[in-house]
C-alpha atoms as a PDB file:
ATOM      1  CA  MET A   1      17.518   4.741  52.968  1.00  0.00           C
ATOM      2  CA  ILE A   2      17.369   2.163  50.182  1.00  0.00           C
ATOM      3  CA  PHE A   3      16.473   3.102  46.593  1.00  0.00           C
ATOM      4  CA  ASN A   4      13.664   0.524  46.555  1.00  0.00           C
ATOM      5  CA  LYS A   5      12.727  -2.850  48.024  1.00  0.00           C
ATOM      6  CA  ASP A   6      13.199  -4.924  44.855  1.00  0.00           C
ATOM      7  CA  THR A   7      16.706  -3.602  44.284  1.00  0.00           C
ATOM      8  CA  ALA A   8      17.570  -4.133  47.951  1.00  0.00           C
ATOM      9  CA  GLN A   9      16.496  -7.771  47.862  1.00  0.00           C
ATOM     10  CA  LYS A  10      18.191  -8.558  44.549  1.00  0.00           C
ATOM     11  CA  THR A  11      21.432  -6.848  45.575  1.00  0.00           C
ATOM     12  CA  ALA A  12      21.475  -8.750  48.869  1.00  0.00           C
ATOM     13  CA  GLU A  13      21.049 -12.058  47.057  1.00  0.00           C
ATOM     14  CA  LEU A  14      23.835 -11.287  44.585  1.00  0.00           C
ATOM     15  CA  LEU A  15      26.218 -10.315  47.394  1.00  0.00           C
ATOM     16  CA  LEU A  16      25.447 -13.549  49.245  1.00  0.00           C
ATOM     17  CA  GLN A  17      25.835 -15.679  46.105  1.00  0.00           C
ATOM     18  CA  ILE A  18      29.420 -14.557  45.510  1.00  0.00           C
ATOM     19  CA  ASN A  19      30.366 -14.417  49.215  1.00  0.00           C
ATOM     20  CA  ALA A  20      30.852 -10.666  49.128  1.00  0.00           C
ATOM     21  CA  ILE A  21      28.792 -10.910  52.306  1.00  0.00           C
ATOM     22  CA  LYS A  22      29.477 -13.785  54.678  1.00  0.00           C
ATOM     23  CA  LEU A  23      27.196 -14.650  57.585  1.00  0.00           C
ATOM     24  CA  ASN A  24      28.681 -16.777  60.364  1.00  0.00           C
ATOM     25  CA  PRO A  25      26.939 -16.255  63.734  1.00  0.00           C
ATOM     26  CA  LYS A  26      28.538 -19.369  65.268  1.00  0.00           C
ATOM     27  CA  ASN A  27      32.115 -18.387  64.437  1.00  0.00           C
ATOM     28  CA  PRO A  28      32.245 -14.585  64.310  1.00  0.00           C
ATOM     29  CA  PHE A  29      34.799 -12.463  62.545  1.00  0.00           C
ATOM     30  CA  THR A  30      36.982  -9.746  64.072  1.00  0.00           C
ATOM     31  CA  TRP A  31      36.854  -6.390  62.312  1.00  0.00           C
ATOM     32  CA  ALA A  32      39.871  -4.093  62.109  1.00  0.00           C
ATOM     33  CA  SER A  33      38.205  -2.001  64.832  1.00  0.00           C
ATOM     34  CA  GLY A  34      38.324  -5.005  67.172  1.00  0.00           C
ATOM     35  CA  TRP A  35      34.552  -5.541  67.064  1.00  0.00           C
ATOM     36  CA  LYS A  36      33.333  -9.128  66.967  1.00  0.00           C
ATOM     37  CA  SER A  37      30.837  -9.624  64.165  1.00  0.00           C
ATOM     38  CA  PRO A  38      28.693 -12.430  62.739  1.00  0.00           C
ATOM     39  CA  ILE A  39      28.846 -10.724  59.335  1.00  0.00           C
ATOM     40  CA  TYR A  40      31.655  -9.635  57.055  1.00  0.00           C
ATOM     41  CA  CYS A  41      31.214  -7.620  53.876  1.00  0.00           C
ATOM     42  CA  ASP A  42      33.764  -7.130  51.092  1.00  0.00           C
ATOM     43  CA  ASN A  43      32.014  -5.543  48.130  1.00  0.00           C
ATOM     44  CA  ARG A  44      35.239  -5.289  46.136  1.00  0.00           C
ATOM     45  CA  ILE A  45      34.587  -8.914  45.173  1.00  0.00           C
ATOM     46  CA  THR A  46      31.756  -7.685  42.926  1.00  0.00           C
ATOM     47  CA  LEU A  47      34.337  -6.282  40.505  1.00  0.00           C
ATOM     48  CA  SER A  48      35.391  -9.847  39.621  1.00  0.00           C
ATOM     49  CA  PHE A  49      31.890 -10.755  38.389  1.00  0.00           C
ATOM     50  CA  PRO A  50      30.976  -8.764  35.237  1.00  0.00           C
ATOM     51  CA  PRO A  51      27.187  -9.372  35.324  1.00  0.00           C
ATOM     52  CA  ILE A  52      27.016  -8.305  38.972  1.00  0.00           C
ATOM     53  CA  ARG A  53      29.249  -5.256  38.656  1.00  0.00           C
ATOM     54  CA  ASN A  54      27.235  -4.193  35.589  1.00  0.00           C
ATOM     55  CA  TYR A  55      23.998  -4.567  37.544  1.00  0.00           C
ATOM     56  CA  ILE A  56      25.413  -2.425  40.357  1.00  0.00           C
ATOM     57  CA  ARG A  57      26.680   0.324  38.067  1.00  0.00           C
ATOM     58  CA  GLU A  58      23.358   0.495  36.206  1.00  0.00           C
ATOM     59  CA  GLU A  59      21.252   0.574  39.379  1.00  0.00           C
ATOM     60  CA  PHE A  60      23.507   3.254  40.817  1.00  0.00           C
ATOM     61  CA  SER A  61      23.414   5.310  37.633  1.00  0.00           C
ATOM     62  CA  LYS A  62      19.665   5.411  37.089  1.00  0.00           C
ATOM     63  CA  ASN A  63      18.780   5.841  40.745  1.00  0.00           C
ATOM     64  CA  LEU A  64      21.315   8.518  41.643  1.00  0.00           C
ATOM     65  CA  GLU A  65      20.278  10.598  38.645  1.00  0.00           C
ATOM     66  CA  LYS A  66      16.631  10.203  39.635  1.00  0.00           C
ATOM     67  CA  GLN A  67      17.408  11.273  43.207  1.00  0.00           C
ATOM     68  CA  PHE A  68      20.053  13.966  42.772  1.00  0.00           C
ATOM     69  CA  GLY A  69      19.924  14.927  39.115  1.00  0.00           C
ATOM     70  CA  LYS A  70      22.838  14.257  36.776  1.00  0.00           C
ATOM     71  CA  PRO A  71      25.988  15.504  38.536  1.00  0.00           C
ATOM     72  CA  ASP A  72      29.054  17.053  36.928  1.00  0.00           C
ATOM     73  CA  VAL A  73      31.427  14.556  38.538  1.00  0.00           C
ATOM     74  CA  ILE A  74      31.329  11.145  40.210  1.00  0.00           C
ATOM     75  CA  ALA A  75      33.680  10.751  43.189  1.00  0.00           C
ATOM     76  CA  GLY A  76      34.762   7.381  44.585  1.00  0.00           C
ATOM     77  CA  VAL A  77      35.999   6.874  48.138  1.00  0.00           C
ATOM     78  CA  ALA A  78      39.416   5.186  48.195  1.00  0.00           C
ATOM     79  CA  THR A  79      40.089   2.426  48.017  1.00  0.00           C
ATOM     80  CA  GLY A  80      37.009   0.250  48.115  1.00  0.00           C
ATOM     81  CA  ALA A  81      34.818   2.393  45.860  1.00  0.00           C
ATOM     82  CA  ILE A  82      37.344   3.439  43.230  1.00  0.00           C
ATOM     83  CA  GLY A  83      36.465   0.568  40.906  1.00  0.00           C
ATOM     84  CA  ILE A  84      32.690   0.764  41.088  1.00  0.00           C
ATOM     85  CA  GLY A  85      32.753   4.570  41.094  1.00  0.00           C
ATOM     86  CA  MET A  86      34.752   4.556  37.870  1.00  0.00           C
ATOM     87  CA  LEU A  87      32.259   2.132  36.296  1.00  0.00           C
ATOM     88  CA  VAL A  88      29.373   4.428  37.235  1.00  0.00           C
ATOM     89  CA  ALA A  89      31.153   7.483  35.820  1.00  0.00           C
ATOM     90  CA  GLU A  90      31.940   5.629  32.588  1.00  0.00           C
ATOM     91  CA  TYR A  91      28.354   4.418  32.218  1.00  0.00           C
ATOM     92  CA  MET A  92      27.016   7.955  32.757  1.00  0.00           C
ATOM     93  CA  GLY A  93      29.658   9.589  30.571  1.00  0.00           C
ATOM     94  CA  LEU A  94      30.936  11.706  33.452  1.00  0.00           C
ATOM     95  CA  PRO A  95      34.340  12.738  34.824  1.00  0.00           C
ATOM     96  CA  PHE A  96      35.646  10.746  37.774  1.00  0.00           C
ATOM     97  CA  VAL A  97      37.786  11.590  40.794  1.00  0.00           C
ATOM     98  CA  TYR A  98      38.630   9.646  43.897  1.00  0.00           C
ATOM     99  CA  VAL A  99      39.285  10.774  47.447  1.00  0.00           C
ATOM    100  CA  ARG A 100      42.101   9.456  49.635  1.00  0.00           C
ATOM    101  CA  PRO A 101      41.710   9.120  53.419  1.00  0.00           C
ATOM    102  CA  GLU A 102      44.353  11.840  53.754  1.00  0.00           C
ATOM    103  CA  PRO A 103      46.650  13.853  51.461  1.00  0.00           C
ATOM    104  CA  LYS A 104      49.697  12.119  50.023  1.00  0.00           C
ATOM    105  CA  LYS A 105      52.896  12.922  51.876  1.00  0.00           C
ATOM    106  CA  HIS A 106      54.914  13.406  48.696  1.00  0.00           C
ATOM    107  CA  GLY A 107      54.611  14.833  45.176  1.00  0.00           C
ATOM    108  CA  ARG A 108      51.632  17.153  44.801  1.00  0.00           C
ATOM    109  CA  GLN A 109      50.238  15.984  48.175  1.00  0.00           C
ATOM    110  CA  ASN A 110      46.799  15.452  46.686  1.00  0.00           C
ATOM    111  CA  GLN A 111      43.894  14.099  48.658  1.00  0.00           C
ATOM    112  CA  ILE A 112      41.559  14.295  45.681  1.00  0.00           C
ATOM    113  CA  GLU A 113      42.929  12.597  42.571  1.00  0.00           C
ATOM    114  CA  GLY A 114      41.596  13.781  39.243  1.00  0.00           C
ATOM    115  CA  PHE A 115      40.313  17.068  37.843  1.00  0.00           C
ATOM    116  CA  LEU A 116      37.735  18.859  39.976  1.00  0.00           C
ATOM    117  CA  GLN A 117      36.609  22.463  39.628  1.00  0.00           C
ATOM    118  CA  LYS A 118      35.074  24.623  42.328  1.00  0.00           C
ATOM    119  CA  GLY A 119      31.291  24.711  42.164  1.00  0.00           C
ATOM    120  CA  GLN A 120      30.858  21.387  40.374  1.00  0.00           C
ATOM    121  CA  ASN A 121      28.044  19.133  41.506  1.00  0.00           C
ATOM    122  CA  VAL A 122      29.362  15.815  42.830  1.00  0.00           C
ATOM    123  CA  VAL A 123      27.740  12.549  43.867  1.00  0.00           C
ATOM    124  CA  VAL A 124      29.948  10.345  46.027  1.00  0.00           C
ATOM    125  CA  VAL A 125      30.054   6.574  45.513  1.00  0.00           C
ATOM    126  CA  GLU A 126      30.928   4.295  48.440  1.00  0.00           C
ATOM    127  CA  ASP A 127      31.022   0.505  48.702  1.00  0.00           C
ATOM    128  CA  LEU A 128      30.071   0.022  52.363  1.00  0.00           C
ATOM    129  CA  ILE A 129      28.767   2.125  55.244  1.00  0.00           C
ATOM    130  CA  SER A 130      29.477   1.124  58.842  1.00  0.00           C
ATOM    131  CA  THR A 131      29.810   4.184  61.112  1.00  0.00           C
ATOM    132  CA  GLY A 132      30.084   6.539  58.137  1.00  0.00           C
ATOM    133  CA  ASN A 133      33.129   8.338  59.521  1.00  0.00           C
ATOM    134  CA  SER A 134      35.549   7.616  56.673  1.00  0.00           C
ATOM    135  CA  SER A 135      32.875   8.263  54.044  1.00  0.00           C
ATOM    136  CA  LEU A 136      32.053  11.654  55.523  1.00  0.00           C
ATOM    137  CA  MET A 137      35.747  12.560  55.699  1.00  0.00           C
ATOM    138  CA  ALA A 138      35.774  12.181  51.908  1.00  0.00           C
ATOM    139  CA  VAL A 139      32.727  14.440  51.673  1.00  0.00           C
ATOM    140  CA  GLU A 140      34.471  17.066  53.797  1.00  0.00           C
ATOM    141  CA  ALA A 141      37.568  16.944  51.579  1.00  0.00           C
ATOM    142  CA  LEU A 142      35.395  17.515  48.506  1.00  0.00           C
ATOM    143  CA  LYS A 143      33.624  20.436  50.144  1.00  0.00           C
ATOM    144  CA  GLU A 144      36.935  21.991  51.143  1.00  0.00           C
ATOM    145  CA  ALA A 145      37.966  21.747  47.488  1.00  0.00           C
ATOM    146  CA  GLY A 146      34.880  23.767  46.549  1.00  0.00           C
ATOM    147  CA  ALA A 147      32.626  20.940  45.333  1.00  0.00           C
ATOM    148  CA  ASN A 148      28.863  20.975  45.799  1.00  0.00           C
ATOM    149  CA  VAL A 149      28.212  17.496  47.213  1.00  0.00           C
ATOM    150  CA  LYS A 150      24.684  16.483  46.237  1.00  0.00           C
ATOM    151  CA  GLY A 151      24.691  13.231  48.202  1.00  0.00           C
ATOM    152  CA  MET A 152      26.193   9.774  48.575  1.00  0.00           C
ATOM    153  CA  VAL A 153      25.260   6.339  47.271  1.00  0.00           C
ATOM    154  CA  ALA A 154      26.576   3.030  48.605  1.00  0.00           C
ATOM    155  CA  ILE A 155      26.180  -0.644  47.811  1.00  0.00           C
ATOM    156  CA  PHE A 156      25.389  -1.704  51.378  1.00  0.00           C
ATOM    157  CA  THR A 157      24.915  -0.285  54.859  1.00  0.00           C
ATOM    158  CA  TYR A 158      24.788  -2.035  58.222  1.00  0.00           C
ATOM    159  CA  GLY A 159      22.234   0.553  59.301  1.00  0.00           C
ATOM    160  CA  PHE A 160      23.912   1.458  62.584  1.00  0.00           C
ATOM    161  CA  ASP A 161      22.294   4.286  64.540  1.00  0.00           C
ATOM    162  CA  VAL A 162      25.651   6.026  64.771  1.00  0.00           C
ATOM    163  CA  ALA A 163      25.875   6.187  60.968  1.00  0.00           C
ATOM    164  CA  THR A 164      22.366   7.632  60.719  1.00  0.00           C
ATOM    165  CA  GLU A 165      23.309  10.324  63.227  1.00  0.00           C
ATOM    166  CA  ASN A 166      26.613  11.076  61.508  1.00  0.00           C
ATOM    167  CA  PHE A 167      24.974  11.606  58.119  1.00  0.00           C
ATOM    168  CA  LYS A 168      22.216  13.676  59.685  1.00  0.00           C
ATOM    169  CA  LYS A 169      24.743  15.948  61.410  1.00  0.00           C
ATOM    170  CA  ALA A 170      26.687  16.325  58.172  1.00  0.00           C
ATOM    171  CA  ASN A 171      23.437  17.081  56.280  1.00  0.00           C
ATOM    172  CA  ILE A 172      24.287  14.504  53.628  1.00  0.00           C
ATOM    173  CA  ASP A 173      21.649  12.311  51.992  1.00  0.00           C
ATOM    174  CA  LEU A 174      22.682   8.647  51.821  1.00  0.00           C
ATOM    175  CA  LEU A 175      20.960   6.127  49.563  1.00  0.00           C
ATOM    176  CA  THR A 176      21.981   2.477  49.273  1.00  0.00           C
ATOM    177  CA  LEU A 177      21.284  -0.449  46.974  1.00  0.00           C
ATOM    178  CA  SER A 178      20.702  -2.729  49.969  1.00  0.00           C
ATOM    179  CA  ASN A 179      20.880  -2.753  53.748  1.00  0.00           C
ATOM    180  CA  TYR A 180      21.110  -5.047  56.746  1.00  0.00           C
ATOM    181  CA  GLU A 181      17.350  -5.406  57.231  1.00  0.00           C
ATOM    182  CA  ASN A 182      16.742  -6.573  53.673  1.00  0.00           C
ATOM    183  CA  LEU A 183      19.795  -8.814  53.788  1.00  0.00           C
ATOM    184  CA  LEU A 184      18.449 -10.714  56.807  1.00  0.00           C
ATOM    185  CA  GLU A 185      15.008 -11.099  55.245  1.00  0.00           C
ATOM    186  CA  LEU A 186      16.505 -12.492  52.053  1.00  0.00           C
ATOM    187  CA  ALA A 187      19.001 -14.707  53.878  1.00  0.00           C
ATOM    188  CA  VAL A 188      16.227 -16.430  55.846  1.00  0.00           C
ATOM    189  CA  ALA A 189      13.948 -16.757  52.819  1.00  0.00           C
ATOM    190  CA  LYS A 190      16.736 -18.341  50.753  1.00  0.00           C
ATOM    191  CA  ARG A 191      17.951 -20.456  53.705  1.00  0.00           C
ATOM    192  CA  TYR A 192      21.401 -18.948  53.986  1.00  0.00           C
ATOM    193  CA  ILE A 193      20.634 -18.717  57.716  1.00  0.00           C
ATOM    194  CA  THR A 194      18.020 -20.080  60.108  1.00  0.00           C
ATOM    195  CA  GLU A 195      15.453 -17.964  61.941  1.00  0.00           C
ATOM    196  CA  GLU A 196      17.459 -18.535  65.137  1.00  0.00           C
ATOM    197  CA  GLU A 197      20.601 -17.222  63.466  1.00  0.00           C
ATOM    198  CA  GLN A 198      18.582 -14.269  62.198  1.00  0.00           C
ATOM    199  CA  GLU A 199      17.761 -13.355  65.792  1.00  0.00           C
ATOM    200  CA  THR A 200      21.465 -13.500  66.710  1.00  0.00           C
ATOM    201  CA  LEU A 201      22.259 -11.175  63.825  1.00  0.00           C
ATOM    202  CA  LYS A 202      19.522  -8.770  64.930  1.00  0.00           C
ATOM    203  CA  VAL A 203      20.903  -8.675  68.470  1.00  0.00           C
ATOM    204  CA  TRP A 204      24.400  -7.939  67.140  1.00  0.00           C
ATOM    205  CA  SER A 205      23.208  -4.965  65.091  1.00  0.00           C
ATOM    206  CA  LYS A 206      21.761  -3.270  68.185  1.00  0.00           C
ATOM    207  CA  SER A 207      25.146  -3.120  69.951  1.00  0.00           C
ATOM    208  CA  PRO A 208      27.946  -4.262  67.616  1.00  0.00           C
ATOM    209  CA  SER A 209      30.762  -2.758  69.687  1.00  0.00           C
ATOM    210  CA  THR A 210      29.990  -4.920  72.725  1.00  0.00           C
ATOM    211  CA  TRP A 211      28.453  -8.051  71.182  1.00  0.00           C
ATOM    212  CA  ASN A 212      30.027 -11.475  71.878  1.00  0.00           C
ATOM    213  CA  VAL A 213      33.337  -9.998  73.029  1.00  0.00           C
ATOM    214  CA  GLU A 214      34.544 -13.270  74.577  1.00  0.00           C
ATOM    215  CA  SER A 215      33.958 -15.426  71.468  1.00  0.00           C
ATOM    216  CA  ASP A 216      36.666 -17.126  69.453  1.00  0.00           C
ATOM    217  CA  SER A 217      36.635 -15.625  65.992  1.00  0.00           C
ATOM    218  CA  THR A 218      37.914 -15.709  62.447  1.00  0.00           C
ATOM    219  CA  SER A 219      40.213 -12.668  62.109  1.00  0.00           C
ATOM    220  CA  VAL A 220      39.800 -10.495  59.010  1.00  0.00           C
ATOM    221  CA  LYS A 221      41.139  -7.142  57.875  1.00  0.00           C
END
């Protein structure tokens, strides 16, 4: 679910302007999973543009407090959401922690970095949602540490059915600044893509794991 339509459209346009989101239906990318995709999203690029990162942190801050109440702690999912999560925590005057994909294999073997007490209310910040698996692993780590996870916010989601099901099963509310549907609407309106390319992108989103498997592609990590 998006916070609101205006924010979704503006966020989509900002991400397209700085090439944080690239749309290339004619020469698809290859994701790390092996999926062929006409879209690639790297929201870490937003950190290099102060006006855009400030817009994101402020939209996150006001909307997450409105939705979940002011939490005790902001948690970022490593590594993509560490930067923006820290900005949100700073703006709200809150403590910050981040969650690794798995515990370190040396030292204190932490999976959660920072100071977190049992029973504290936490909102998780993520940069991008695809299937939701890695994001929900972070949520599980926080719960195991005794945190009360109020919900998760993310910059962008592809809106895959599998992600919707995963968050539903985990009983975690997810709210995003923008999503795939609003991105496509904005991209056509601003002529980033044609209506024909929009249809290709819609087809991809229905079955991304099997789409265009024979195509040549631009490989990305």
